Amino acid sequence: MMEVPGKKGLKYIPQSSWPNGFHKDLTYAQALEIQRSYNDSEVIKREASAQAIKARLKTAERFESAYLPEDVKAAYHATYLSHLEGKALSNAQSLWKEVQRVVVAINMPPERWCLNPQVVYKALADLGKSPDWCKRVFAALNLYGALYGLERKGFVGVKKLPNTWHVKIADAFHDAEKGEKSGKLTLEALEELKKKLSPEHWRWVNASFWFGLRPEEVDLLLGPPVIERRDMWKVENEALTIYQPKLRGLRWPDRYKHIPFSCPEQPAALSLLKQGAKRPGPRVLEHFPQGVRLYGGRHGFTSYWDAKGVDIRTISRWLGHRYLMTTEKYYRDLGLVHKAGGG
């Protein structure tokens, strides 16, 4: 038997299991050194194996399901992929992978999807992707179902996404977003971005800056003001009132914030959104100042009004924070606000 230190004291290893290099005449120190070397080499081998598996899965991802038969997959490829090339092919392949993920998640015959649309909508929300991307996946999913139905029992397309599920998908996308803390976007940087971004992307950033909105709140402004008889946003009495998806754990009336127009740039920003706007993606963010992400406009809004002398309690209400300490904790730490107002 060989005696070596383990996590819970000494560990005894029978001679038949000794690693190469061990023999009974070794001193304890020599045995320990060989064991450490052996452990290090094993760790390196496991890490290399894990990386190889990860790389292989990334380049050749496969999805197994009874509802992904080879003949239908081949038909989808021949119909929607085979004639494409370059970037268009790459985008279509990414979309096809998402469709397969959703088919696996739904786990029922496509001819039954129309009878269980909530299952389909939930599978889309579980992707944690942007609402625009999920719309594309949904459309491609119906195309796949139609191909499936040609050879089998037939297929009736799933009705378009209800507005309530648009909100749920946006909520899921917000929850799935993970990224480093954003620096603030200054007014000067906002004007500079106007030269670098497309008009649609710049209008989105501009609205974020002038109203201090979270990304998912700016996205709401691009949609209808009322969904399923509930207000998403409205402009009334020189102010913007908007629903806050992040606060969906609260009673519905408590999920709104009220931002009065305090400068002419605010109503102008809303007017520009009517011309069309789009949330910046990762490639567009490369044009932002270093360290600035999608929350940069919100942070810039905070700093801008603090510099104008607006009381921090007022800024906190405009941001939609329920408690003043939230504003102080997150924004003072970032150097965006400097002093609490009196009273």
Foldseek 3Di string as FASTA:
>chain_A
DDWDADPVGIDDDDPVPQDPPDDPPDDRVRSHVVVVVVVVVVVVVVVVVVVVVVVVCVVDPDADAPQCDPVLVVVCCVPPQPVDDDPSNVVVVVLVVLLSQLCVQLRDHQQCCQVPVVSSLVSLLVVLAQLVSSQVSLVVNQVSNQSSQVPDVHHDRHDHDAPVSSLSSLLSNVVPDDDDDFAAQAPVLLVVVVVVDDLQQSLLLLQCQQQLEASSFSVLLLDDQAGPNHGQWDQDPQKIKGFASVVVVDDRVLRIAIGHDPDPSNVVSSVSCVVHHDHDDPVSCVPHPPRHDSSNSSLNNLLVVLVVVDALVVNCRSNSHPDSVVCCVPNVVSVSHDDHDDD
